[in-house]
N, C-alpha and C. Protein backbone atom coordinates (compact mmCIF):
# COMPACT_ATOMS: atom_id res chain seq x y z
N MET A 1 8.00 11.83 25.32
CA MET A 1 9.13 11.45 24.37
C MET A 1 8.77 11.89 22.59
N PHE A 2 9.72 11.77 21.80
CA PHE A 2 9.52 12.68 20.40
C PHE A 2 8.79 11.16 19.33
N ALA A 3 9.25 10.21 19.64
CA ALA A 3 9.19 8.91 18.70
C ALA A 3 7.45 8.37 19.43
N GLN A 4 7.27 8.45 20.50
CA GLN A 4 5.87 7.96 21.12
C GLN A 4 4.98 8.73 20.74
N GLU A 5 5.13 10.16 21.14
CA GLU A 5 4.47 11.27 20.51
C GLU A 5 4.04 10.97 18.98
N GLY A 6 4.86 10.86 18.28
CA GLY A 6 4.34 10.86 16.75
C GLY A 6 3.84 9.50 16.22
N CYS A 7 4.03 8.56 17.39
CA CYS A 7 3.16 7.20 16.83
C CYS A 7 1.76 7.60 17.47
N LEU A 8 1.66 7.82 18.47
CA LEU A 8 0.00 8.27 19.14
C LEU A 8 -0.43 9.32 17.90
N LYS A 9 0.42 10.15 17.60
CA LYS A 9 -0.27 11.18 16.52
C LYS A 9 -0.96 10.48 15.31
N ARG A 10 -0.49 9.47 14.80
CA ARG A 10 -0.73 8.69 13.80
C ARG A 10 -1.39 7.69 13.71
N PHE A 11 -1.71 7.39 15.43
CA PHE A 11 -2.56 5.95 15.35
C PHE A 11 -3.94 5.97 15.00
N GLU A 12 -4.73 6.87 15.40
CA GLU A 12 -5.98 7.18 14.86
C GLU A 12 -6.35 6.80 13.36
N ARG A 13 -5.72 7.97 12.88
CA ARG A 13 -5.29 7.84 11.34
C ARG A 13 -5.18 6.49 10.80
N PHE A 14 -4.68 5.46 11.24
CA PHE A 14 -4.21 4.65 10.81
C PHE A 14 -5.28 3.44 11.14
N VAL A 15 -5.58 3.26 12.57
CA VAL A 15 -6.23 2.30 13.09
C VAL A 15 -7.87 2.20 12.81
N GLY A 16 -7.84 3.70 13.07
CA GLY A 16 -9.54 3.94 12.55
C GLY A 16 -10.42 4.72 14.20
N ILE A 17 -9.61 4.43 15.02
CA ILE A 17 -10.23 4.59 16.42
C ILE A 17 -9.25 5.52 17.21
N SER A 18 -9.65 6.24 18.26
CA SER A 18 -8.66 6.93 19.12
C SER A 18 -8.10 5.98 19.80
N TYR A 19 -6.37 6.34 19.94
CA TYR A 19 -5.98 5.66 21.04
C TYR A 19 -6.34 5.30 22.39
N GLU A 20 -7.17 6.16 23.12
CA GLU A 20 -7.73 6.22 24.13
C GLU A 20 -8.68 5.15 24.30
N ARG A 21 -9.53 4.67 23.06
CA ARG A 21 -10.78 3.87 23.13
C ARG A 21 -10.32 2.71 22.66
N SER A 22 -9.11 2.81 22.08
CA SER A 22 -8.31 1.14 21.52
C SER A 22 -8.12 0.17 22.50
N GLN A 23 -8.10 -0.93 22.04
CA GLN A 23 -7.46 -1.89 22.82
C GLN A 23 -6.15 -2.00 22.27
N LEU A 24 -5.52 -1.79 21.70
CA LEU A 24 -4.24 -1.70 21.07
C LEU A 24 -3.50 -1.08 21.93
N GLU A 25 -1.93 -1.46 21.85
CA GLU A 25 -1.02 -0.84 22.62
C GLU A 25 0.06 -0.57 21.33
N VAL A 26 0.67 0.73 21.82
CA VAL A 26 1.85 1.09 20.79
C VAL A 26 3.24 1.20 21.58
N THR A 27 4.38 0.73 20.80
CA THR A 27 5.64 1.01 21.24
C THR A 27 6.23 1.54 20.09
N TYR A 28 7.42 1.23 19.91
CA TYR A 28 8.12 2.15 18.59
C TYR A 28 9.70 1.41 19.03
N LEU A 29 10.46 1.46 17.58
CA LEU A 29 11.53 0.83 17.58
C LEU A 29 12.53 2.20 17.25
N SER A 30 13.65 2.45 17.76
CA SER A 30 14.17 3.80 17.13
C SER A 30 15.84 3.42 17.07
N PRO A 31 16.25 4.21 15.83
CA PRO A 31 17.90 3.68 15.66
C PRO A 31 18.52 3.48 16.88
N THR A 32 19.58 2.62 16.56
CA THR A 32 20.66 2.74 17.67
C THR A 32 21.97 3.41 17.51
N ALA A 33 22.61 3.70 18.50
CA ALA A 33 23.54 4.62 18.31
C ALA A 33 24.37 4.34 17.14
N VAL A 34 24.81 2.95 17.01
CA VAL A 34 25.78 2.70 15.55
C VAL A 34 25.15 3.19 14.61
N SER A 35 23.43 2.96 14.36
CA SER A 35 22.64 3.30 13.09
C SER A 35 22.54 4.79 12.81
N TRP A 36 22.51 4.98 14.15
CA TRP A 36 22.42 6.70 13.95
C TRP A 36 23.49 7.50 13.45
N GLN A 37 24.58 6.77 13.69
CA GLN A 37 25.87 7.35 13.07
C GLN A 37 26.13 6.99 11.66
N ASP A 38 25.08 6.27 11.02
CA ASP A 38 25.29 5.59 9.78
C ASP A 38 24.29 6.42 8.96
N GLY A 39 23.54 7.44 9.70
CA GLY A 39 22.41 8.08 9.34
C GLY A 39 20.86 7.43 9.25
N ASP A 40 20.62 6.58 10.19
CA ASP A 40 19.39 6.44 10.31
C ASP A 40 18.51 6.94 11.23
N ARG A 41 17.66 7.19 10.58
CA ARG A 41 16.30 8.48 11.46
C ARG A 41 15.06 8.17 11.35
N ARG A 42 14.93 6.53 11.01
CA ARG A 42 13.84 6.09 10.99
C ARG A 42 12.88 5.56 12.46
N VAL A 43 11.72 5.65 12.56
CA VAL A 43 11.23 5.22 13.79
C VAL A 43 10.04 4.15 13.57
N GLN A 44 9.92 2.97 13.92
CA GLN A 44 8.91 2.24 13.58
C GLN A 44 7.59 1.90 14.47
N CYS A 45 6.94 2.63 14.36
CA CYS A 45 5.56 2.30 15.63
C CYS A 45 5.12 0.77 15.26
N VAL A 46 4.95 0.41 16.38
CA VAL A 46 4.48 -1.32 16.37
C VAL A 46 3.39 -1.30 17.33
N LEU A 47 2.56 -1.78 16.96
CA LEU A 47 0.99 -2.06 17.54
C LEU A 47 1.09 -3.64 18.15
N HIS A 48 0.44 -3.59 19.05
CA HIS A 48 0.37 -4.84 19.89
C HIS A 48 -0.69 -4.88 20.56
N SER A 49 -1.53 -6.01 21.00
CA SER A 49 -2.71 -6.30 21.90
C SER A 49 -2.53 -5.91 23.21
N GLY A 50 -3.18 -5.17 23.84
CA GLY A 50 -2.99 -4.76 25.31
C GLY A 50 -3.24 -6.12 26.28
N ASP A 51 -4.06 -7.36 25.75
CA ASP A 51 -4.06 -8.35 26.58
C ASP A 51 -2.93 -9.47 26.22
N GLY A 52 -1.96 -9.48 25.22
CA GLY A 52 -1.16 -10.13 25.07
C GLY A 52 -1.33 -11.00 24.00
N GLU A 53 -2.50 -11.21 23.54
CA GLU A 53 -3.05 -12.09 22.55
C GLU A 53 -2.25 -11.68 21.07
N PRO A 54 -1.96 -12.57 20.46
CA PRO A 54 -1.34 -12.19 18.90
C PRO A 54 -1.95 -11.27 18.33
N LEU A 55 -1.65 -10.50 17.39
CA LEU A 55 -2.36 -9.82 16.18
C LEU A 55 -2.20 -10.25 15.10
N THR A 56 -3.11 -10.57 13.85
CA THR A 56 -3.19 -11.29 12.79
C THR A 56 -3.10 -9.98 11.82
N GLY A 57 -2.42 -10.02 10.63
CA GLY A 57 -2.83 -9.34 9.58
C GLY A 57 -2.57 -7.61 9.70
N SER A 58 -2.85 -6.47 9.03
CA SER A 58 -2.60 -5.37 9.21
C SER A 58 -3.67 -4.74 10.36
N MET A 59 -3.66 -3.80 11.01
CA MET A 59 -4.55 -3.12 11.88
C MET A 59 -4.91 -2.00 11.04
N ARG A 60 -4.80 -1.77 9.95
CA ARG A 60 -4.92 -0.57 9.38
C ARG A 60 -6.47 -0.36 9.14
N GLY A 61 -7.27 0.70 9.68
CA GLY A 61 -8.88 0.42 9.44
C GLY A 61 -9.42 -0.43 10.26
N ARG A 62 -8.83 -1.02 11.14
CA ARG A 62 -9.69 -2.15 11.73
C ARG A 62 -10.48 -1.38 13.19
N GLY A 63 -10.08 -0.71 13.37
CA GLY A 63 -11.11 0.31 14.54
C GLY A 63 -11.22 -0.38 15.67
N GLU A 64 -10.15 -1.00 16.36
CA GLU A 64 -10.16 -2.02 17.50
C GLU A 64 -9.45 -1.16 18.48
């Protein structure tokens, strides 16, 4: 899927470690049908922990 590929492509540059080596998971939020009709084309990449523990602060450069 285009959005997932885009998020994974940017993951290592943002977090500082490859997705395959990371303990983090990636999901994304994409436009709804209604917001798409209004011109929304943004995809937001969302990081979360693989073990369900809360994340605190930015994950930029964390290397986790």
